[in-house]
PDB file of N, CA and C in Angstrom:
ATOM      1  N   MET A   1     -32.975  18.871 -31.524  1.00  0.00           N
ATOM      2  CA  MET A   1     -33.903  18.501 -30.456  1.00  0.00           C
ATOM      3  C   MET A   1     -34.616  17.363 -31.143  1.00  0.00           C
ATOM      4  N   GLU A   2     -34.797  16.286 -30.308  1.00  0.00           N
ATOM      5  CA  GLU A   2     -35.482  14.914 -30.662  1.00  0.00           C
ATOM      6  C   GLU A   2     -37.039  15.378 -30.730  1.00  0.00           C
ATOM      7  N   LYS A   3     -37.717  14.959 -31.651  1.00  0.00           N
ATOM      8  CA  LYS A   3     -39.240  15.032 -31.807  1.00  0.00           C
ATOM      9  C   LYS A   3     -39.793  14.087 -30.855  1.00  0.00           C
ATOM     10  N   GLN A   4     -40.971  14.576 -30.359  1.00  0.00           N
ATOM     11  CA  GLN A   4     -41.906  13.742 -29.419  1.00  0.00           C
ATOM     12  C   GLN A   4     -43.263  13.620 -29.874  1.00  0.00           C
ATOM     13  N   ASP A   5     -43.903  12.599 -29.392  1.00  0.00           N
ATOM     14  CA  ASP A   5     -45.346  12.567 -29.778  1.00  0.00           C
ATOM     15  C   ASP A   5     -46.079  13.872 -29.130  1.00  0.00           C
ATOM     16  N   LYS A   6     -47.096  14.251 -29.830  1.00  0.00           N
ATOM     17  CA  LYS A   6     -47.711  15.461 -29.352  1.00  0.00           C
ATOM     18  C   LYS A   6     -49.307  15.162 -29.036  1.00  0.00           C
ATOM     19  N   ILE A   7     -49.881  15.569 -27.836  1.00  0.00           N
ATOM     20  CA  ILE A   7     -51.168  15.476 -27.707  1.00  0.00           C
ATOM     21  C   ILE A   7     -51.945  16.677 -28.324  1.00  0.00           C
ATOM     22  N   ILE A   8     -52.912  16.488 -29.086  1.00  0.00           N
ATOM     23  CA  ILE A   8     -53.697  17.552 -29.669  1.00  0.00           C
ATOM     24  C   ILE A   8     -55.082  17.307 -29.232  1.00  0.00           C
ATOM     25  N   VAL A   9     -55.867  18.388 -29.104  1.00  0.00           N
ATOM     26  CA  VAL A   9     -57.453  18.386 -29.022  1.00  0.00           C
ATOM     27  C   VAL A   9     -57.868  18.619 -30.210  1.00  0.00           C
ATOM     28  N   CYS A  10     -58.917  17.823 -30.689  1.00  0.00           N
ATOM     29  CA  CYS A  10     -59.539  17.963 -31.991  1.00  0.00           C
ATOM     30  C   CYS A  10     -60.550  19.078 -31.806  1.00  0.00           C
ATOM     31  N   GLN A  11     -60.530  19.905 -32.958  1.00  0.00           N
ATOM     32  CA  GLN A  11     -61.367  21.313 -33.057  1.00  0.00           C
ATOM     33  C   GLN A  11     -62.824  20.898 -33.128  1.00  0.00           C
ATOM     34  N   ASP A  12     -63.023  19.554 -33.775  1.00  0.00           N
ATOM     35  CA  ASP A  12     -64.528  19.175 -33.995  1.00  0.00           C
ATOM     36  C   ASP A  12     -65.038  18.423 -32.910  1.00  0.00           C
ATOM     37  N   CYS A  13     -64.572  17.523 -32.229  1.00  0.00           N
ATOM     38  CA  CYS A  13     -65.174  16.728 -31.252  1.00  0.00           C
ATOM     39  C   CYS A  13     -64.606  16.799 -29.714  1.00  0.00           C
ATOM     40  N   GLY A  14     -63.395  17.610 -29.845  1.00  0.00           N
ATOM     41  CA  GLY A  14     -62.952  17.993 -28.491  1.00  0.00           C
ATOM     42  C   GLY A  14     -62.080  16.772 -27.971  1.00  0.00           C
ATOM     43  N   GLU A  15     -62.009  15.653 -28.497  1.00  0.00           N
ATOM     44  CA  GLU A  15     -61.240  14.571 -28.008  1.00  0.00           C
ATOM     45  C   GLU A  15     -59.759  14.631 -28.178  1.00  0.00           C
ATOM     46  N   GLU A  16     -58.968  14.204 -27.374  1.00  0.00           N
ATOM     47  CA  GLU A  16     -57.462  14.489 -27.599  1.00  0.00           C
ATOM     48  C   GLU A  16     -57.103  13.344 -28.449  1.00  0.00           C
ATOM     49  N   PHE A  17     -56.014  13.429 -29.276  1.00  0.00           N
ATOM     50  CA  PHE A  17     -55.509  12.620 -30.038  1.00  0.00           C
ATOM     51  C   PHE A  17     -53.937  12.597 -30.208  1.00  0.00           C
ATOM     52  N   THR A  18     -53.286  11.779 -30.474  1.00  0.00           N
ATOM     53  CA  THR A  18     -51.697  11.760 -30.608  1.00  0.00           C
ATOM     54  C   THR A  18     -51.185  12.055 -31.936  1.00  0.00           C
ATOM     55  N   PHE A  19     -50.455  13.078 -32.175  1.00  0.00           N
ATOM     56  CA  PHE A  19     -49.748  13.331 -33.336  1.00  0.00           C
ATOM     57  C   PHE A  19     -48.264  12.754 -33.257  1.00  0.00           C
ATOM     58  N   THR A  20     -48.269  11.647 -33.710  1.00  0.00           N
ATOM     59  CA  THR A  20     -46.896  10.716 -33.489  1.00  0.00           C
ATOM     60  C   THR A  20     -45.796  11.404 -34.253  1.00  0.00           C
ATOM     61  N   VAL A  21     -44.549  11.132 -33.847  1.00  0.00           N
ATOM     62  CA  VAL A  21     -43.333  11.351 -34.444  1.00  0.00           C
ATOM     63  C   VAL A  21     -43.323  11.021 -35.778  1.00  0.00           C
ATOM     64  N   ARG A  22     -43.845   9.785 -36.157  1.00  0.00           N
ATOM     65  CA  ARG A  22     -44.069   9.277 -37.499  1.00  0.00           C
ATOM     66  C   ARG A  22     -44.738  10.162 -38.328  1.00  0.00           C
ATOM     67  N   GLU A  23     -45.937  10.622 -37.770  1.00  0.00           N
ATOM     68  CA  GLU A  23     -46.913  11.304 -38.625  1.00  0.00           C
ATOM     69  C   GLU A  23     -46.254  12.708 -38.736  1.00  0.00           C
ATOM     70  N   GLN A  24     -45.578  13.415 -37.681  1.00  0.00           N
ATOM     71  CA  GLN A  24     -44.818  14.779 -37.834  1.00  0.00           C
ATOM     72  C   GLN A  24     -43.967  14.521 -39.093  1.00  0.00           C
ATOM     73  N   GLU A  25     -43.036  13.489 -39.079  1.00  0.00           N
ATOM     74  CA  GLU A  25     -42.047  13.337 -40.136  1.00  0.00           C
ATOM     75  C   GLU A  25     -42.715  13.196 -41.567  1.00  0.00           C
ATOM     76  N   PHE A  26     -44.007  12.399 -41.640  1.00  0.00           N
ATOM     77  CA  PHE A  26     -44.661  12.502 -42.807  1.00  0.00           C
ATOM     78  C   PHE A  26     -45.097  13.798 -43.306  1.00  0.00           C
ATOM     79  N   TYR A  27     -45.729  14.633 -42.303  1.00  0.00           N
ATOM     80  CA  TYR A  27     -46.190  16.089 -42.678  1.00  0.00           C
ATOM     81  C   TYR A  27     -45.011  17.034 -43.161  1.00  0.00           C
ATOM     82  N   GLU A  28     -43.621  16.640 -42.611  1.00  0.00           N
ATOM     83  CA  GLU A  28     -42.556  17.326 -43.091  1.00  0.00           C
ATOM     84  C   GLU A  28     -42.275  17.009 -44.460  1.00  0.00           C
ATOM     85  N   GLU A  29     -42.241  15.743 -44.750  1.00  0.00           N
ATOM     86  CA  GLU A  29     -41.923  15.307 -46.055  1.00  0.00           C
ATOM     87  C   GLU A  29     -42.792  15.944 -47.196  1.00  0.00           C
ATOM     88  N   LYS A  30     -44.098  15.898 -46.941  1.00  0.00           N
ATOM     89  CA  LYS A  30     -45.128  16.473 -47.747  1.00  0.00           C
ATOM     90  C   LYS A  30     -44.956  17.996 -47.802  1.00  0.00           C
ATOM     91  N   GLY A  31     -44.341  18.682 -47.045  1.00  0.00           N
ATOM     92  CA  GLY A  31     -44.142  20.134 -47.129  1.00  0.00           C
ATOM     93  C   GLY A  31     -45.424  20.594 -46.173  1.00  0.00           C
ATOM     94  N   PHE A  32     -46.203  20.032 -45.545  1.00  0.00           N
ATOM     95  CA  PHE A  32     -47.206  20.650 -44.624  1.00  0.00           C
ATOM     96  C   PHE A  32     -46.541  21.302 -43.418  1.00  0.00           C
ATOM     97  N   THR A  33     -47.049  22.603 -43.137  1.00  0.00           N
ATOM     98  CA  THR A  33     -46.521  23.376 -42.231  1.00  0.00           C
ATOM     99  C   THR A  33     -47.316  23.449 -40.893  1.00  0.00           C
ATOM    100  N   ASN A  34     -48.624  23.097 -41.082  1.00  0.00           N
ATOM    101  CA  ASN A  34     -49.544  23.129 -39.990  1.00  0.00           C
ATOM    102  C   ASN A  34     -49.794  21.776 -39.405  1.00  0.00           C
ATOM    103  N   GLU A  35     -49.923  21.668 -38.052  1.00  0.00           N
ATOM    104  CA  GLU A  35     -50.426  20.447 -37.320  1.00  0.00           C
ATOM    105  C   GLU A  35     -51.709  20.032 -37.752  1.00  0.00           C
ATOM    106  N   PRO A  36     -52.104  18.853 -37.531  1.00  0.00           N
ATOM    107  CA  PRO A  36     -53.549  18.517 -37.830  1.00  0.00           C
ATOM    108  C   PRO A  36     -54.413  19.230 -36.737  1.00  0.00           C
ATOM    109  N   LYS A  37     -55.626  19.467 -36.880  1.00  0.00           N
ATOM    110  CA  LYS A  37     -56.617  20.170 -36.041  1.00  0.00           C
ATOM    111  C   LYS A  37     -57.717  19.250 -35.674  1.00  0.00           C
ATOM    112  N   ARG A  38     -57.760  18.090 -36.553  1.00  0.00           N
ATOM    113  CA  ARG A  38     -58.829  17.206 -36.269  1.00  0.00           C
ATOM    114  C   ARG A  38     -58.269  15.814 -35.967  1.00  0.00           C
ATOM    115  N   CYS A  39     -58.958  14.906 -35.292  1.00  0.00           N
ATOM    116  CA  CYS A  39     -58.666  13.581 -35.179  1.00  0.00           C
ATOM    117  C   CYS A  39     -58.869  12.680 -36.404  1.00  0.00           C
ATOM    118  N   LYS A  40     -58.401  11.516 -36.493  1.00  0.00           N
ATOM    119  CA  LYS A  40     -58.440  10.684 -37.800  1.00  0.00           C
ATOM    120  C   LYS A  40     -60.001  10.509 -38.021  1.00  0.00           C
ATOM    121  N   ASN A  41     -60.961  10.159 -37.021  1.00  0.00           N
ATOM    122  CA  ASN A  41     -62.347   9.991 -37.226  1.00  0.00           C
ATOM    123  C   ASN A  41     -62.879  11.287 -37.826  1.00  0.00           C
ATOM    124  N   CYS A  42     -62.648  12.426 -37.211  1.00  0.00           N
ATOM    125  CA  CYS A  42     -63.174  13.604 -37.536  1.00  0.00           C
ATOM    126  C   CYS A  42     -62.798  13.992 -39.152  1.00  0.00           C
ATOM    127  N   ARG A  43     -61.536  13.773 -39.353  1.00  0.00           N
ATOM    128  CA  ARG A  43     -60.858  14.044 -40.632  1.00  0.00           C
ATOM    129  C   ARG A  43     -61.534  13.076 -41.676  1.00  0.00           C
ATOM    130  N   ASP A  44     -61.831  11.980 -41.437  1.00  0.00           N
ATOM    131  CA  ASP A  44     -62.393  10.923 -42.274  1.00  0.00           C
ATOM    132  C   ASP A  44     -63.792  11.160 -42.530  1.00  0.00           C
ATOM    133  N   LYS A  45     -64.521  11.689 -41.430  1.00  0.00           N
ATOM    134  CA  LYS A  45     -66.036  12.074 -41.612  1.00  0.00           C
ATOM    135  C   LYS A  45     -66.086  13.393 -42.535  1.00  0.00           C
ATOM    136  N   ARG A  46     -65.114  14.239 -42.412  1.00  0.00           N
ATOM    137  CA  ARG A  46     -65.031  15.484 -43.150  1.00  0.00           C
ATOM    138  C   ARG A  46     -64.811  15.282 -44.851  1.00  0.00           C
ATOM    139  N   LYS A  47     -63.946  14.422 -44.903  1.00  0.00           N
ATOM    140  CA  LYS A  47     -63.588  13.853 -46.408  1.00  0.00           C
ATOM    141  C   LYS A  47     -64.855  13.327 -47.023  1.00  0.00           C
ATOM    142  N   SER A  48     -65.436  12.500 -46.166  1.00  0.00           N
ATOM    143  CA  SER A  48     -66.666  11.750 -46.697  1.00  0.00           C
ATOM    144  C   SER A  48     -67.761  12.899 -47.136  1.00  0.00           C
ATOM    145  N   GLU A  49     -67.884  13.735 -46.272  1.00  0.00           N
ATOM    146  CA  GLU A  49     -68.864  14.823 -46.504  1.00  0.00           C
ATOM    147  C   GLU A  49     -68.704  15.664 -47.611  1.00  0.00           C
ATOM    148  N   LYS A  50     -67.456  15.776 -47.754  1.00  0.00           N
ATOM    149  CA  LYS A  50     -67.065  16.602 -49.063  1.00  0.00           C
ATOM    150  C   LYS A  50     -67.460  15.846 -50.303  1.00  0.00           C
ATOM    151  N   ARG A  51     -66.832  14.475 -50.300  1.00  0.00           N
ATOM    152  CA  ARG A  51     -67.131  13.758 -51.355  1.00  0.00           C
ATOM    153  C   ARG A  51     -68.591  13.525 -51.767  1.00  0.00           C
ATOM    154  N   ASN A  52     -69.552  13.398 -50.771  1.00  0.00           N
ATOM    155  CA  ASN A  52     -70.802  13.227 -50.942  1.00  0.00           C
ATOM    156  C   ASN A  52     -71.499  14.581 -51.571  1.00  0.00           C
ATOM    157  N   PHE A  53     -70.947  15.803 -50.903  1.00  0.00           N
ATOM    158  CA  PHE A  53     -71.422  17.030 -51.517  1.00  0.00           C
ATOM    159  C   PHE A  53     -70.895  17.263 -52.873  1.00  0.00           C
ATOM    160  N   GLN A  54     -69.740  16.886 -53.396  1.00  0.00           N
ATOM    161  CA  GLN A  54     -69.295  16.956 -54.686  1.00  0.00           C
ATOM    162  C   GLN A  54     -69.942  16.036 -55.630  1.00  0.00           C
ATOM    163  N   SER A  55     -70.368  14.810 -55.125  1.00  0.00           N
ATOM    164  CA  SER A  55     -71.167  13.950 -56.105  1.00  0.00           C
ATOM    165  C   SER A  55     -72.539  14.418 -56.277  1.00  0.00           C
ATOM    166  N   ASN A  56     -73.104  15.118 -55.409  1.00  0.00           N
ATOM    167  CA  ASN A  56     -74.624  15.572 -55.293  1.00  0.00           C
ATOM    168  C   ASN A  56     -74.609  16.886 -56.362  1.00  0.00           C
ATOM    169  N   GLU A  57     -73.517  17.527 -56.664  1.00  0.00           N
ATOM    170  CA  GLU A  57     -73.551  18.668 -57.323  1.00  0.00           C
ATOM    171  C   GLU A  57     -73.591  18.351 -58.834  1.00  0.00           C
ATOM    172  N   MET A  58     -73.114  17.124 -59.237  1.00  0.00           N
ATOM    173  CA  MET A  58     -72.989  16.836 -60.648  1.00  0.00           C
ATOM    174  C   MET A  58     -74.396  16.505 -61.211  1.00  0.00           C
TER     175      MET A  58
END
């Protein structure tokens, strides 16, 4: 079956985002089994918050 782009709703902001065929292939190559739950903006924001938290712990 041919892959297709998927529309997913971000669990943080509630906005829809597209999980492209290319992204799906990338996830498969990396061995990821779950689809993303957050849009790119929310993923980037979360990564930034994690980095800031870790740097404040030192």
